[in-house]
Structure formats: structure tokens, C-alpha cells
Amino acid sequence: MIDRIENNMDQSVGFVERAVADTKKAVNLLLWASILLPFFHHFSVLHSNSLGLDICINA
């Protein structure tokens, strides 16, 4: 019984470590998205207008 408890604790530690790593990765991706998304949005509006397309974006 002690072995099962110890095994469950080891698995729990592994899950928490993975969750911490995934959370850090998600925060990093959100940071990059907040930096790059406005640039690509601006580029797509300019590119679409240069093709003669009328677009309406609700900001």
C-alpha cells in the first residue's frame, strides 16, 4: 500500500511539473501573439485594400 501511495505521489509531481512547463509556454505564446497580432492585422488590411477589396472590420 505504501508503494502505491509513493507511486501516486511521483506521478502527481510529474503532472505538476508538466503543468508548470505548459503554463509558461502558454504565457510566452500569448506574449508573442499580443506583439505580433497587431502587426499582421495592419498588414492584412493594407494588403486587402491594395487589391481593391472593400472590407469592414469592427474594432
C-alpha atoms as a PDB file:
ATOM      1  CA  MET A   1       0.000   0.000   0.000  1.00  0.00           C
ATOM      2  CA  ILE A   2       2.852   2.373   0.801  1.00  0.00           C
ATOM      3  CA  ASP A   3       4.343   1.652  -2.627  1.00  0.00           C
ATOM      4  CA  ARG A   4       1.102   2.686  -4.346  1.00  0.00           C
ATOM      5  CA  ILE A   5       0.962   5.938  -2.370  1.00  0.00           C
ATOM      6  CA  GLU A   6       4.568   6.682  -3.247  1.00  0.00           C
ATOM      7  CA  ASN A   7       3.911   5.888  -6.917  1.00  0.00           C
ATOM      8  CA  ASN A   8       0.864   8.190  -6.940  1.00  0.00           C
ATOM      9  CA  MET A   9       2.929  10.973  -5.362  1.00  0.00           C
ATOM     10  CA  ASP A  10       5.633  10.562  -8.010  1.00  0.00           C
ATOM     11  CA  GLN A  11       3.012  10.731 -10.772  1.00  0.00           C
ATOM     12  CA  SER A  12       1.454  13.811  -9.196  1.00  0.00           C
ATOM     13  CA  VAL A  13       4.810  15.562  -9.093  1.00  0.00           C
ATOM     14  CA  GLY A  14       5.307  14.770 -12.764  1.00  0.00           C
ATOM     15  CA  PHE A  15       1.871  16.145 -13.665  1.00  0.00           C
ATOM     16  CA  VAL A  16       2.510  19.360 -11.738  1.00  0.00           C
ATOM     17  CA  GLU A  17       5.918  19.839 -13.352  1.00  0.00           C
ATOM     18  CA  ARG A  18       4.385  19.365 -16.801  1.00  0.00           C
ATOM     19  CA  ALA A  19       1.544  21.772 -15.972  1.00  0.00           C
ATOM     20  CA  VAL A  20       4.048  24.422 -14.888  1.00  0.00           C
ATOM     21  CA  ALA A  21       6.028  23.997 -18.104  1.00  0.00           C
ATOM     22  CA  ASP A  22       2.859  24.125 -20.244  1.00  0.00           C
ATOM     23  CA  THR A  23       1.665  27.250 -18.432  1.00  0.00           C
ATOM     24  CA  LYS A  24       4.996  29.002 -19.010  1.00  0.00           C
ATOM     25  CA  LYS A  25       4.814  28.049 -22.680  1.00  0.00           C
ATOM     26  CA  ALA A  26       1.245  29.369 -22.953  1.00  0.00           C
ATOM     27  CA  VAL A  27       2.204  32.686 -21.342  1.00  0.00           C
ATOM     28  CA  ASN A  28       5.110  33.019 -23.758  1.00  0.00           C
ATOM     29  CA  LEU A  29       2.863  32.306 -26.753  1.00  0.00           C
ATOM     30  CA  LEU A  30       0.288  34.841 -25.547  1.00  0.00           C
ATOM     31  CA  LEU A  31       3.036  37.436 -25.181  1.00  0.00           C
ATOM     32  CA  TRP A  32       4.244  36.849 -28.736  1.00  0.00           C
ATOM     33  CA  ALA A  33       0.681  36.882 -30.058  1.00  0.00           C
ATOM     34  CA  SER A  34      -0.023  40.229 -28.398  1.00  0.00           C
ATOM     35  CA  ILE A  35       3.126  41.639 -30.001  1.00  0.00           C
ATOM     36  CA  LEU A  36       2.715  40.184 -33.489  1.00  0.00           C
ATOM     37  CA  LEU A  37      -1.061  40.146 -33.983  1.00  0.00           C
ATOM     38  CA  PRO A  38      -1.476  43.925 -34.392  1.00  0.00           C
ATOM     39  CA  PHE A  39       1.322  43.931 -36.995  1.00  0.00           C
ATOM     40  CA  PHE A  40      -0.262  41.174 -39.074  1.00  0.00           C
ATOM     41  CA  HIS A  41      -3.713  42.719 -38.744  1.00  0.00           C
ATOM     42  CA  HIS A  42      -2.355  46.029 -40.054  1.00  0.00           C
ATOM     43  CA  PHE A  43      -0.564  44.265 -42.904  1.00  0.00           C
ATOM     44  CA  SER A  44      -3.659  42.293 -43.927  1.00  0.00           C
ATOM     45  CA  VAL A  45      -5.780  45.459 -44.025  1.00  0.00           C
ATOM     46  CA  LEU A  46      -3.213  47.243 -46.182  1.00  0.00           C
ATOM     47  CA  HIS A  47      -2.793  44.234 -48.457  1.00  0.00           C
ATOM     48  CA  SER A  48      -6.549  43.711 -48.869  1.00  0.00           C
ATOM     49  CA  ASN A  49      -7.107  47.368 -49.682  1.00  0.00           C
ATOM     50  CA  SER A  50      -4.313  47.358 -52.252  1.00  0.00           C
ATOM     51  CA  LEU A  51      -6.150  44.550 -54.069  1.00  0.00           C
ATOM     52  CA  GLY A  52      -9.236  46.723 -54.327  1.00  0.00           C
ATOM     53  CA  LEU A  53     -11.243  44.770 -51.781  1.00  0.00           C
ATOM     54  CA  ASP A  54     -13.643  46.643 -49.542  1.00  0.00           C
ATOM     55  CA  ILE A  55     -13.503  45.314 -46.012  1.00  0.00           C
ATOM     56  CA  CYS A  56     -15.249  46.389 -42.876  1.00  0.00           C
ATOM     57  CA  ILE A  57     -13.677  45.471 -39.544  1.00  0.00           C
ATOM     58  CA  ASN A  58     -15.445  46.240 -36.287  1.00  0.00           C
ATOM     59  CA  ALA A  59     -12.804  47.227 -33.803  1.00  0.00           C
END
